[in-house]
Amino acid sequence: MLNYSKSILSILLLFGSFLTARAQITFFKTYGGEANDFGAKILALDNGYLIAGNIRTGGGALSGDGYILRIDSLGEVMWQKTYNSGHKELFHHITLANDGGFLVVGDILNLTTFFNDILVMKLDDNGEVIWSTLIGATFNSEFINRSNDCGF
């Protein structure tokens, strides 16, 4: 039985067979910490999955770090990273870049204006930040897509 007193990031991946109408549970695992952590986007890769979201770090509603988790096809953790700028980060979307790295988009709470600025990060295959940029905004970011010229 699941313990709902801990709100931890839970991933349940279901795969259905095209030959039958039944779904099959491949694995059921929990990831994250003891607080209200969650995954916002799952990206399927050739050898597993990449999950982007948020992990709470304490300190109430204004706390939280961007969280990226890479797991293999059986749900085993390959690596996991938290990204903390001293503000509340929340990742909404992740996509595969042409070079094998990843592009992540999310929000970062601007503690001066109390609006969410858009955070865009380019990560390498191991989750290390290659570059990041902030775009001032008065709305939340949700998606990033690859363009025809291999940009974003």
C-alpha atoms as a PDB file:
ATOM      1  CA  MET A   1       0.000   0.000   0.000  1.00  0.00           C
ATOM      2  CA  LEU A   2       1.282   3.479  -0.869  1.00  0.00           C
ATOM      3  CA  ASN A   3       2.035   5.901   1.931  1.00  0.00           C
ATOM      4  CA  TYR A   4       0.352   9.191   0.951  1.00  0.00           C
ATOM      5  CA  SER A   5       1.773  11.101   3.925  1.00  0.00           C
ATOM      6  CA  LYS A   6       4.947  11.580   1.877  1.00  0.00           C
ATOM      7  CA  SER A   7       4.419  13.440  -1.347  1.00  0.00           C
ATOM      8  CA  ILE A   8       7.265  12.121  -3.444  1.00  0.00           C
ATOM      9  CA  LEU A   9       7.807  12.049  -7.133  1.00  0.00           C
ATOM     10  CA  SER A  10       6.291   8.813  -8.377  1.00  0.00           C
ATOM     11  CA  ILE A  11       6.682   7.487 -11.850  1.00  0.00           C
ATOM     12  CA  LEU A  12       4.498   4.727 -13.195  1.00  0.00           C
ATOM     13  CA  LEU A  13       5.161   3.844 -16.772  1.00  0.00           C
ATOM     14  CA  LEU A  14       2.583   1.795 -18.558  1.00  0.00           C
ATOM     15  CA  PHE A  15       3.202   0.218 -21.888  1.00  0.00           C
ATOM     16  CA  GLY A  16       0.407  -1.240 -23.924  1.00  0.00           C
ATOM     17  CA  SER A  17       0.792  -3.934 -26.473  1.00  0.00           C
ATOM     18  CA  PHE A  18      -0.496  -3.258 -29.938  1.00  0.00           C
ATOM     19  CA  LEU A  19      -1.596  -6.894 -30.143  1.00  0.00           C
ATOM     20  CA  THR A  20      -3.675  -6.838 -26.975  1.00  0.00           C
ATOM     21  CA  ALA A  21      -5.723  -4.133 -25.332  1.00  0.00           C
ATOM     22  CA  ARG A  22      -4.060  -4.653 -21.938  1.00  0.00           C
ATOM     23  CA  ALA A  23      -1.384  -2.370 -20.504  1.00  0.00           C
ATOM     24  CA  GLN A  24       1.615  -3.889 -18.776  1.00  0.00           C
ATOM     25  CA  ILE A  25       3.398  -2.282 -15.828  1.00  0.00           C
ATOM     26  CA  THR A  26       7.094  -2.299 -16.644  1.00  0.00           C
ATOM     27  CA  PHE A  27       8.196  -0.824 -13.297  1.00  0.00           C
ATOM     28  CA  PHE A  28       6.903   1.269 -10.418  1.00  0.00           C
ATOM     29  CA  LYS A  29       9.441   3.403  -8.558  1.00  0.00           C
ATOM     30  CA  THR A  30       9.500   6.560  -6.493  1.00  0.00           C
ATOM     31  CA  TYR A  31      12.093   9.283  -6.834  1.00  0.00           C
ATOM     32  CA  GLY A  32      12.764  12.560  -5.054  1.00  0.00           C
ATOM     33  CA  GLY A  33      12.687  13.589  -1.435  1.00  0.00           C
ATOM     34  CA  GLU A  34      10.253  13.910   1.425  1.00  0.00           C
ATOM     35  CA  ALA A  35       8.258  16.944   0.282  1.00  0.00           C
ATOM     36  CA  ASN A  36       5.913  17.892  -2.572  1.00  0.00           C
ATOM     37  CA  ASP A  37       8.153  16.878  -5.459  1.00  0.00           C
ATOM     38  CA  PHE A  38       6.750  16.211  -8.889  1.00  0.00           C
ATOM     39  CA  GLY A  39       7.620  15.414 -12.455  1.00  0.00           C
ATOM     40  CA  ALA A  40       6.135  17.689 -15.109  1.00  0.00           C
ATOM     41  CA  LYS A  41       7.484  16.114 -18.296  1.00  0.00           C
ATOM     42  CA  ILE A  42       8.791  12.676 -19.269  1.00  0.00           C
ATOM     43  CA  LEU A  43      10.955  12.383 -22.384  1.00  0.00           C
ATOM     44  CA  ALA A  44      11.385   8.887 -23.839  1.00  0.00           C
ATOM     45  CA  LEU A  45      14.957   8.142 -24.956  1.00  0.00           C
ATOM     46  CA  ASP A  46      16.482   5.156 -26.742  1.00  0.00           C
ATOM     47  CA  ASN A  47      17.849   3.757 -23.473  1.00  0.00           C
ATOM     48  CA  GLY A  48      15.437   5.101 -20.878  1.00  0.00           C
ATOM     49  CA  TYR A  49      13.696   8.287 -19.831  1.00  0.00           C
ATOM     50  CA  LEU A  50      14.416  11.826 -18.758  1.00  0.00           C
ATOM     51  CA  ILE A  51      12.069  13.436 -16.225  1.00  0.00           C
ATOM     52  CA  ALA A  52      11.898  17.182 -15.590  1.00  0.00           C
ATOM     53  CA  GLY A  53      10.118  18.765 -12.656  1.00  0.00           C
ATOM     54  CA  ASN A  54      10.613  20.265  -9.241  1.00  0.00           C
ATOM     55  CA  ILE A  55      11.957  19.055  -5.934  1.00  0.00           C
ATOM     56  CA  ARG A  56      11.074  20.882  -2.721  1.00  0.00           C
ATOM     57  CA  THR A  57      14.007  21.904  -0.589  1.00  0.00           C
ATOM     58  CA  GLY A  58      12.193  23.229   2.457  1.00  0.00           C
ATOM     59  CA  GLY A  59      11.332  26.797   3.316  1.00  0.00           C
ATOM     60  CA  GLY A  60       7.694  26.834   2.302  1.00  0.00           C
ATOM     61  CA  ALA A  61       5.924  27.907  -0.848  1.00  0.00           C
ATOM     62  CA  LEU A  62       8.845  29.970  -2.183  1.00  0.00           C
ATOM     63  CA  SER A  63      11.299  27.083  -2.085  1.00  0.00           C
ATOM     64  CA  GLY A  64      12.085  24.490  -4.682  1.00  0.00           C
ATOM     65  CA  ASP A  65      14.716  23.546  -7.202  1.00  0.00           C
ATOM     66  CA  GLY A  66      14.482  22.450 -10.791  1.00  0.00           C
ATOM     67  CA  TYR A  67      14.949  18.674 -10.923  1.00  0.00           C
ATOM     68  CA  ILE A  68      16.111  16.462 -13.795  1.00  0.00           C
ATOM     69  CA  LEU A  69      16.225  12.698 -13.405  1.00  0.00           C
ATOM     70  CA  ARG A  70      17.604  10.251 -15.966  1.00  0.00           C
ATOM     71  CA  ILE A  71      16.574   6.611 -15.592  1.00  0.00           C
ATOM     72  CA  ASP A  72      17.214   3.533 -17.677  1.00  0.00           C
ATOM     73  CA  SER A  73      14.472   1.415 -19.258  1.00  0.00           C
ATOM     74  CA  LEU A  74      13.997  -0.502 -15.985  1.00  0.00           C
ATOM     75  CA  GLY A  75      13.653   2.632 -13.860  1.00  0.00           C
ATOM     76  CA  GLU A  76      17.145   2.568 -12.343  1.00  0.00           C
ATOM     77  CA  VAL A  77      18.639   6.015 -11.735  1.00  0.00           C
ATOM     78  CA  MET A  78      21.467   6.843 -14.139  1.00  0.00           C
ATOM     79  CA  TRP A  79      21.832  10.371 -12.745  1.00  0.00           C
ATOM     80  CA  GLN A  80      19.771  13.066 -11.081  1.00  0.00           C
ATOM     81  CA  LYS A  81      20.471  16.756 -10.695  1.00  0.00           C
ATOM     82  CA  THR A  82      18.934  19.676  -8.887  1.00  0.00           C
ATOM     83  CA  TYR A  83      19.368  23.193 -10.225  1.00  0.00           C
ATOM     84  CA  ASN A  84      19.278  26.002  -7.658  1.00  0.00           C
ATOM     85  CA  SER A  85      19.800  29.697  -8.330  1.00  0.00           C
ATOM     86  CA  GLY A  86      18.626  30.760  -4.894  1.00  0.00           C
ATOM     87  CA  HIS A  87      15.077  31.264  -6.161  1.00  0.00           C
ATOM     88  CA  LYS A  88      12.222  28.862  -6.822  1.00  0.00           C
ATOM     89  CA  GLU A  89      12.788  26.965 -10.093  1.00  0.00           C
ATOM     90  CA  LEU A  90      10.202  24.796 -11.773  1.00  0.00           C
ATOM     91  CA  PHE A  91      10.882  22.864 -14.988  1.00  0.00           C
ATOM     92  CA  HIS A  92       7.915  22.338 -17.321  1.00  0.00           C
ATOM     93  CA  HIS A  93       9.354  20.871 -20.500  1.00  0.00           C
ATOM     94  CA  ILE A  94      12.423  19.100 -21.806  1.00  0.00           C
ATOM     95  CA  THR A  95      13.371  18.136 -25.334  1.00  0.00           C
ATOM     96  CA  LEU A  96      16.251  16.381 -27.045  1.00  0.00           C
ATOM     97  CA  ALA A  97      18.826  18.621 -28.748  1.00  0.00           C
ATOM     98  CA  ASN A  98      20.543  17.669 -31.999  1.00  0.00           C
ATOM     99  CA  ASP A  99      23.892  17.128 -30.242  1.00  0.00           C
ATOM    100  CA  GLY A 100      22.538  14.537 -27.794  1.00  0.00           C
ATOM    101  CA  GLY A 101      22.066  17.047 -24.995  1.00  0.00           C
ATOM    102  CA  PHE A 102      18.808  18.479 -23.741  1.00  0.00           C
ATOM    103  CA  LEU A 103      17.010  21.789 -23.666  1.00  0.00           C
ATOM    104  CA  VAL A 104      14.911  22.541 -20.576  1.00  0.00           C
ATOM    105  CA  VAL A 105      12.372  25.323 -20.136  1.00  0.00           C
ATOM    106  CA  GLY A 106      10.737  26.378 -16.926  1.00  0.00           C
ATOM    107  CA  ASP A 107      10.033  29.215 -14.559  1.00  0.00           C
ATOM    108  CA  ILE A 108      12.099  30.928 -11.946  1.00  0.00           C
ATOM    109  CA  LEU A 109      10.360  33.123  -9.389  1.00  0.00           C
ATOM    110  CA  ASN A 110      11.631  36.688  -9.536  1.00  0.00           C
ATOM    111  CA  LEU A 111      11.592  37.743  -5.878  1.00  0.00           C
ATOM    112  CA  THR A 112      11.626  41.422  -6.860  1.00  0.00           C
ATOM    113  CA  THR A 113       8.530  41.419  -9.085  1.00  0.00           C
ATOM    114  CA  PHE A 114       7.003  38.140  -7.866  1.00  0.00           C
ATOM    115  CA  PHE A 115       6.416  37.205 -11.501  1.00  0.00           C
ATOM    116  CA  ASN A 116       7.910  34.079 -12.997  1.00  0.00           C
ATOM    117  CA  ASP A 117      10.736  34.690 -15.443  1.00  0.00           C
ATOM    118  CA  ILE A 118      11.298  32.098 -18.164  1.00  0.00           C
ATOM    119  CA  LEU A 119      14.357  29.942 -17.568  1.00  0.00           C
ATOM    120  CA  VAL A 120      15.937  28.148 -20.545  1.00  0.00           C
ATOM    121  CA  MET A 121      18.860  25.769 -19.985  1.00  0.00           C
ATOM    122  CA  LYS A 122      20.992  23.712 -22.356  1.00  0.00           C
ATOM    123  CA  LEU A 123      22.305  20.549 -20.692  1.00  0.00           C
ATOM    124  CA  ASP A 124      24.812  17.991 -21.903  1.00  0.00           C
ATOM    125  CA  ASP A 125      24.087  14.247 -21.885  1.00  0.00           C
ATOM    126  CA  ASN A 126      25.118  14.050 -18.207  1.00  0.00           C
ATOM    127  CA  GLY A 127      22.901  16.910 -17.062  1.00  0.00           C
ATOM    128  CA  GLU A 128      25.683  19.487 -16.763  1.00  0.00           C
ATOM    129  CA  VAL A 129      24.669  23.039 -17.677  1.00  0.00           C
ATOM    130  CA  ILE A 130      26.229  24.243 -20.933  1.00  0.00           C
ATOM    131  CA  TRP A 131      24.362  27.561 -20.886  1.00  0.00           C
ATOM    132  CA  SER A 132      21.290  29.120 -19.344  1.00  0.00           C
ATOM    133  CA  THR A 133      19.340  32.302 -19.875  1.00  0.00           C
ATOM    134  CA  LEU A 134      16.478  34.151 -18.211  1.00  0.00           C
ATOM    135  CA  ILE A 135      13.753  35.932 -20.122  1.00  0.00           C
ATOM    136  CA  GLY A 136      11.689  38.391 -18.115  1.00  0.00           C
ATOM    137  CA  ALA A 137       8.008  37.567 -18.315  1.00  0.00           C
ATOM    138  CA  THR A 138       4.655  38.069 -16.665  1.00  0.00           C
ATOM    139  CA  PHE A 139       3.405  34.578 -17.496  1.00  0.00           C
ATOM    140  CA  ASN A 140       4.464  30.988 -17.053  1.00  0.00           C
ATOM    141  CA  SER A 141       6.454  29.106 -19.662  1.00  0.00           C
ATOM    142  CA  GLU A 142       5.264  25.692 -20.750  1.00  0.00           C
ATOM    143  CA  PHE A 143       6.831  24.376 -23.950  1.00  0.00           C
ATOM    144  CA  ILE A 144       9.858  24.509 -26.174  1.00  0.00           C
ATOM    145  CA  ASN A 145      10.058  22.924 -29.609  1.00  0.00           C
ATOM    146  CA  ARG A 146      12.812  22.293 -32.117  1.00  0.00           C
ATOM    147  CA  SER A 147      12.560  24.358 -35.292  1.00  0.00           C
ATOM    148  CA  ASN A 148      13.285  23.205 -38.853  1.00  0.00           C
ATOM    149  CA  ASP A 149      16.711  24.904 -38.833  1.00  0.00           C
ATOM    150  CA  CYS A 150      17.789  22.785 -35.792  1.00  0.00           C
ATOM    151  CA  GLY A 151      17.276  25.706 -33.440  1.00  0.00           C
ATOM    152  CA  PHE A 152      14.603  26.074 -30.752  1.00  0.00           C
END
